[in-house]
């Protein structure tokens, strides 16, 4: 009956983004983040991100609920993940200089300075897609990276499949 109403299940993963001319490429732990975007909640790329955050999920629990069962541990590691229709759509990373490979700006994205200054982000990624008083958003490899800055540099990186 759900199919008749147009409520059939969504695919477990989103197709990769289309290649774009002059696409920005980044290196560092952010590769794990970009790979997890569009992946299924229990997909291999999603699992790699969870493991990089220092979390070793129980295989049976992972199979049953994927990333949904890791919410509390991810929050402690500085990450928040939004899953819609069983697909990872948004990942928030609360950054801190000197943090882990996923939370320290200079290891999260290779080439950034230690605090993730707005200037170092712009020098690395080039023209912004959207900008405001405290944020810049870039299109990187067909995904959106939204950088929120405070007085001390990068405070939050939001990686998104689609922009609002």
C-alpha atoms as a PDB file:
ATOM      1  CA  UNK A   1       0.000   0.000   0.000  1.00  0.00           C
ATOM      2  CA  UNK A   2       2.862   2.390   0.713  1.00  0.00           C
ATOM      3  CA  UNK A   3       3.983   2.081  -2.889  1.00  0.00           C
ATOM      4  CA  UNK A   4       0.517   3.103  -4.100  1.00  0.00           C
ATOM      5  CA  UNK A   5       0.745   6.264  -2.019  1.00  0.00           C
ATOM      6  CA  UNK A   6       4.185   7.122  -3.366  1.00  0.00           C
ATOM      7  CA  UNK A   7       5.915   6.288  -0.082  1.00  0.00           C
ATOM      8  CA  UNK A   8       8.236   3.563  -1.340  1.00  0.00           C
ATOM      9  CA  UNK A   9      11.538   3.193   0.442  1.00  0.00           C
ATOM     10  CA  UNK A  10      14.387   5.486  -0.481  1.00  0.00           C
ATOM     11  CA  UNK A  11      17.609   3.909  -1.736  1.00  0.00           C
ATOM     12  CA  UNK A  12      20.177   3.090   0.937  1.00  0.00           C
ATOM     13  CA  UNK A  13      22.763   5.384  -0.613  1.00  0.00           C
ATOM     14  CA  UNK A  14      22.599   8.509  -2.710  1.00  0.00           C
ATOM     15  CA  UNK A  15      24.340   8.505  -6.065  1.00  0.00           C
ATOM     16  CA  UNK A  16      27.699  10.238  -6.135  1.00  0.00           C
ATOM     17  CA  UNK A  17      27.525  13.911  -7.017  1.00  0.00           C
ATOM     18  CA  UNK A  18      28.071  14.833 -10.650  1.00  0.00           C
ATOM     19  CA  UNK A  19      31.585  15.866 -11.602  1.00  0.00           C
ATOM     20  CA  UNK A  20      31.887  19.604 -11.955  1.00  0.00           C
ATOM     21  CA  UNK A  21      34.435  21.722 -13.768  1.00  0.00           C
ATOM     22  CA  UNK A  22      37.054  23.189 -11.459  1.00  0.00           C
ATOM     23  CA  UNK A  23      35.803  21.148  -8.512  1.00  0.00           C
ATOM     24  CA  UNK A  24      37.683  21.692  -5.276  1.00  0.00           C
ATOM     25  CA  UNK A  25      39.426  18.671  -3.819  1.00  0.00           C
ATOM     26  CA  UNK A  26      40.485  18.451  -0.203  1.00  0.00           C
ATOM     27  CA  UNK A  27      42.732  16.146   1.802  1.00  0.00           C
ATOM     28  CA  UNK A  28      42.784  15.204   5.460  1.00  0.00           C
ATOM     29  CA  UNK A  29      40.210  13.573   7.710  1.00  0.00           C
ATOM     30  CA  UNK A  30      37.492  15.481   5.858  1.00  0.00           C
ATOM     31  CA  UNK A  31      37.836  12.760   3.165  1.00  0.00           C
ATOM     32  CA  UNK A  32      36.045  10.406   5.573  1.00  0.00           C
ATOM     33  CA  UNK A  33      33.303  12.977   6.061  1.00  0.00           C
ATOM     34  CA  UNK A  34      32.784  13.536   2.336  1.00  0.00           C
ATOM     35  CA  UNK A  35      32.751   9.789   1.718  1.00  0.00           C
ATOM     36  CA  UNK A  36      30.115   9.237   4.429  1.00  0.00           C
ATOM     37  CA  UNK A  37      27.769  11.855   2.966  1.00  0.00           C
ATOM     38  CA  UNK A  38      25.162  10.017   0.917  1.00  0.00           C
ATOM     39  CA  UNK A  39      26.188   6.648   2.346  1.00  0.00           C
ATOM     40  CA  UNK A  40      23.730   4.356   4.085  1.00  0.00           C
ATOM     41  CA  UNK A  41      23.405   4.597   7.850  1.00  0.00           C
ATOM     42  CA  UNK A  42      25.238   1.262   8.159  1.00  0.00           C
ATOM     43  CA  UNK A  43      27.430   1.656   5.069  1.00  0.00           C
ATOM     44  CA  UNK A  44      31.171   1.096   4.871  1.00  0.00           C
ATOM     45  CA  UNK A  45      32.046   4.801   4.583  1.00  0.00           C
ATOM     46  CA  UNK A  46      29.791   5.611   7.538  1.00  0.00           C
ATOM     47  CA  UNK A  47      31.476   2.899   9.594  1.00  0.00           C
ATOM     48  CA  UNK A  48      34.913   4.272   8.655  1.00  0.00           C
ATOM     49  CA  UNK A  49      33.876   7.721   9.948  1.00  0.00           C
ATOM     50  CA  UNK A  50      32.610   6.251  13.231  1.00  0.00           C
ATOM     51  CA  UNK A  51      35.825   4.279  13.683  1.00  0.00           C
ATOM     52  CA  UNK A  52      37.935   7.377  12.934  1.00  0.00           C
ATOM     53  CA  UNK A  53      36.082   9.073  15.794  1.00  0.00           C
ATOM     54  CA  UNK A  54      37.503   6.379  18.092  1.00  0.00           C
ATOM     55  CA  UNK A  55      34.302   4.348  18.330  1.00  0.00           C
ATOM     56  CA  UNK A  56      34.263   0.599  17.810  1.00  0.00           C
ATOM     57  CA  UNK A  57      30.637  -0.406  17.363  1.00  0.00           C
ATOM     58  CA  UNK A  58      29.382  -3.854  18.247  1.00  0.00           C
ATOM     59  CA  UNK A  59      28.900  -5.658  14.895  1.00  0.00           C
ATOM     60  CA  UNK A  60      25.399  -6.915  15.765  1.00  0.00           C
ATOM     61  CA  UNK A  61      24.202  -3.510  16.940  1.00  0.00           C
ATOM     62  CA  UNK A  62      25.780  -1.877  13.875  1.00  0.00           C
ATOM     63  CA  UNK A  63      23.948  -4.266  11.576  1.00  0.00           C
ATOM     64  CA  UNK A  64      20.674  -3.525  13.383  1.00  0.00           C
ATOM     65  CA  UNK A  65      20.840   0.257  13.502  1.00  0.00           C
ATOM     66  CA  UNK A  66      24.064   1.560  12.012  1.00  0.00           C
ATOM     67  CA  UNK A  67      25.081   5.048  12.977  1.00  0.00           C
ATOM     68  CA  UNK A  68      21.800   5.648  14.811  1.00  0.00           C
ATOM     69  CA  UNK A  69      23.071   3.553  17.699  1.00  0.00           C
ATOM     70  CA  UNK A  70      26.237   5.663  18.022  1.00  0.00           C
ATOM     71  CA  UNK A  71      24.682   9.094  18.663  1.00  0.00           C
ATOM     72  CA  UNK A  72      25.891   9.593  22.230  1.00  0.00           C
ATOM     73  CA  UNK A  73      29.442   8.420  21.509  1.00  0.00           C
ATOM     74  CA  UNK A  74      29.644  10.589  18.375  1.00  0.00           C
ATOM     75  CA  UNK A  75      28.500  13.663  20.310  1.00  0.00           C
ATOM     76  CA  UNK A  76      31.271  13.086  22.863  1.00  0.00           C
ATOM     77  CA  UNK A  77      33.712  12.884  19.938  1.00  0.00           C
ATOM     78  CA  UNK A  78      32.524  16.272  18.585  1.00  0.00           C
ATOM     79  CA  UNK A  79      30.326  14.980  15.755  1.00  0.00           C
ATOM     80  CA  UNK A  80      26.622  15.016  15.053  1.00  0.00           C
ATOM     81  CA  UNK A  81      25.113  13.128  12.138  1.00  0.00           C
ATOM     82  CA  UNK A  82      21.699  13.563  10.540  1.00  0.00           C
ATOM     83  CA  UNK A  83      20.285  10.545   8.739  1.00  0.00           C
ATOM     84  CA  UNK A  84      17.224  10.918   6.527  1.00  0.00           C
ATOM     85  CA  UNK A  85      15.588   7.880   4.911  1.00  0.00           C
ATOM     86  CA  UNK A  86      18.491   5.679   6.017  1.00  0.00           C
ATOM     87  CA  UNK A  87      21.079   7.923   4.295  1.00  0.00           C
ATOM     88  CA  UNK A  88      23.691  10.203   5.910  1.00  0.00           C
ATOM     89  CA  UNK A  89      22.689  13.709   4.799  1.00  0.00           C
ATOM     90  CA  UNK A  90      24.494  16.102   7.169  1.00  0.00           C
ATOM     91  CA  UNK A  91      27.518  15.877   9.454  1.00  0.00           C
ATOM     92  CA  UNK A  92      28.376  18.552  12.019  1.00  0.00           C
ATOM     93  CA  UNK A  93      31.935  18.687  13.326  1.00  0.00           C
ATOM     94  CA  UNK A  94      32.629  20.849  16.375  1.00  0.00           C
ATOM     95  CA  UNK A  95      36.259  21.821  15.914  1.00  0.00           C
ATOM     96  CA  UNK A  96      38.961  22.641  18.442  1.00  0.00           C
ATOM     97  CA  UNK A  97      42.631  23.457  17.879  1.00  0.00           C
ATOM     98  CA  UNK A  98      44.762  20.559  19.073  1.00  0.00           C
ATOM     99  CA  UNK A  99      41.794  18.162  19.033  1.00  0.00           C
ATOM    100  CA  UNK A 100      41.558  14.789  17.318  1.00  0.00           C
ATOM    101  CA  UNK A 101      42.171  14.236  13.610  1.00  0.00           C
ATOM    102  CA  UNK A 102      38.449  14.834  13.072  1.00  0.00           C
ATOM    103  CA  UNK A 103      38.162  17.956  15.228  1.00  0.00           C
ATOM    104  CA  UNK A 104      41.499  19.796  14.845  1.00  0.00           C
ATOM    105  CA  UNK A 105      41.152  22.162  11.853  1.00  0.00           C
ATOM    106  CA  UNK A 106      44.665  21.546  10.521  1.00  0.00           C
ATOM    107  CA  UNK A 107      44.265  17.749  10.441  1.00  0.00           C
ATOM    108  CA  UNK A 108      40.600  17.806   9.462  1.00  0.00           C
ATOM    109  CA  UNK A 109      41.530  19.643   6.259  1.00  0.00           C
ATOM    110  CA  UNK A 110      45.147  19.451   5.135  1.00  0.00           C
ATOM    111  CA  UNK A 111      46.530  22.917   4.448  1.00  0.00           C
ATOM    112  CA  UNK A 112      44.504  24.844   7.047  1.00  0.00           C
ATOM    113  CA  UNK A 113      46.274  26.646   9.863  1.00  0.00           C
ATOM    114  CA  UNK A 114      45.925  25.316  13.421  1.00  0.00           C
ATOM    115  CA  UNK A 115      42.824  27.400  14.235  1.00  0.00           C
ATOM    116  CA  UNK A 116      41.144  27.159  10.844  1.00  0.00           C
ATOM    117  CA  UNK A 117      41.128  30.888  10.179  1.00  0.00           C
ATOM    118  CA  UNK A 118      38.736  32.246   7.605  1.00  0.00           C
ATOM    119  CA  UNK A 119      41.710  33.408   5.576  1.00  0.00           C
ATOM    120  CA  UNK A 120      43.329  29.947   5.462  1.00  0.00           C
ATOM    121  CA  UNK A 121      40.037  28.358   4.391  1.00  0.00           C
ATOM    122  CA  UNK A 122      39.603  30.936   1.608  1.00  0.00           C
ATOM    123  CA  UNK A 123      43.215  30.480   0.452  1.00  0.00           C
ATOM    124  CA  UNK A 124      42.701  26.734   0.230  1.00  0.00           C
ATOM    125  CA  UNK A 125      39.193  26.551  -1.234  1.00  0.00           C
ATOM    126  CA  UNK A 126      38.966  29.728  -3.315  1.00  0.00           C
ATOM    127  CA  UNK A 127      35.717  31.566  -4.066  1.00  0.00           C
ATOM    128  CA  UNK A 128      32.815  31.003  -1.677  1.00  0.00           C
ATOM    129  CA  UNK A 129      29.419  29.787  -2.815  1.00  0.00           C
ATOM    130  CA  UNK A 130      27.625  31.715  -0.047  1.00  0.00           C
ATOM    131  CA  UNK A 131      28.944  34.000   2.696  1.00  0.00           C
ATOM    132  CA  UNK A 132      27.681  35.823   5.772  1.00  0.00           C
ATOM    133  CA  UNK A 133      29.075  37.654   8.808  1.00  0.00           C
ATOM    134  CA  UNK A 134      30.289  34.485  10.531  1.00  0.00           C
ATOM    135  CA  UNK A 135      30.193  31.813   7.845  1.00  0.00           C
ATOM    136  CA  UNK A 136      31.364  30.798   4.391  1.00  0.00           C
ATOM    137  CA  UNK A 137      29.967  27.936   2.344  1.00  0.00           C
ATOM    138  CA  UNK A 138      31.893  26.158  -0.408  1.00  0.00           C
ATOM    139  CA  UNK A 139      31.020  23.487  -2.938  1.00  0.00           C
ATOM    140  CA  UNK A 140      33.651  20.779  -2.624  1.00  0.00           C
ATOM    141  CA  UNK A 141      33.472  17.679  -4.776  1.00  0.00           C
ATOM    142  CA  UNK A 142      29.764  18.206  -5.349  1.00  0.00           C
ATOM    143  CA  UNK A 143      28.977  18.520  -1.623  1.00  0.00           C
ATOM    144  CA  UNK A 144      28.560  21.592   0.555  1.00  0.00           C
ATOM    145  CA  UNK A 145      31.023  22.517   3.304  1.00  0.00           C
ATOM    146  CA  UNK A 146      29.697  25.262   5.577  1.00  0.00           C
ATOM    147  CA  UNK A 147      32.353  26.844   7.816  1.00  0.00           C
ATOM    148  CA  UNK A 148      31.189  28.776  10.900  1.00  0.00           C
ATOM    149  CA  UNK A 149      33.819  31.068  12.415  1.00  0.00           C
ATOM    150  CA  UNK A 150      34.183  32.624  15.846  1.00  0.00           C
ATOM    151  CA  UNK A 151      36.806  34.888  17.389  1.00  0.00           C
ATOM    152  CA  UNK A 152      39.275  31.989  17.650  1.00  0.00           C
ATOM    153  CA  UNK A 153      38.799  30.607  14.138  1.00  0.00           C
ATOM    154  CA  UNK A 154      36.758  27.689  12.840  1.00  0.00           C
ATOM    155  CA  UNK A 155      34.143  26.540  15.352  1.00  0.00           C
ATOM    156  CA  UNK A 156      31.866  24.313  13.299  1.00  0.00           C
ATOM    157  CA  UNK A 157      32.138  22.559   9.966  1.00  0.00           C
ATOM    158  CA  UNK A 158      28.855  21.365   8.521  1.00  0.00           C
ATOM    159  CA  UNK A 159      29.095  18.936   5.612  1.00  0.00           C
ATOM    160  CA  UNK A 160      25.895  18.526   3.610  1.00  0.00           C
ATOM    161  CA  UNK A 161      24.616  16.530   0.665  1.00  0.00           C
ATOM    162  CA  UNK A 162      22.325  19.430  -0.273  1.00  0.00           C
ATOM    163  CA  UNK A 163      22.250  23.064   0.816  1.00  0.00           C
ATOM    164  CA  UNK A 164      19.158  24.490   2.481  1.00  0.00           C
END
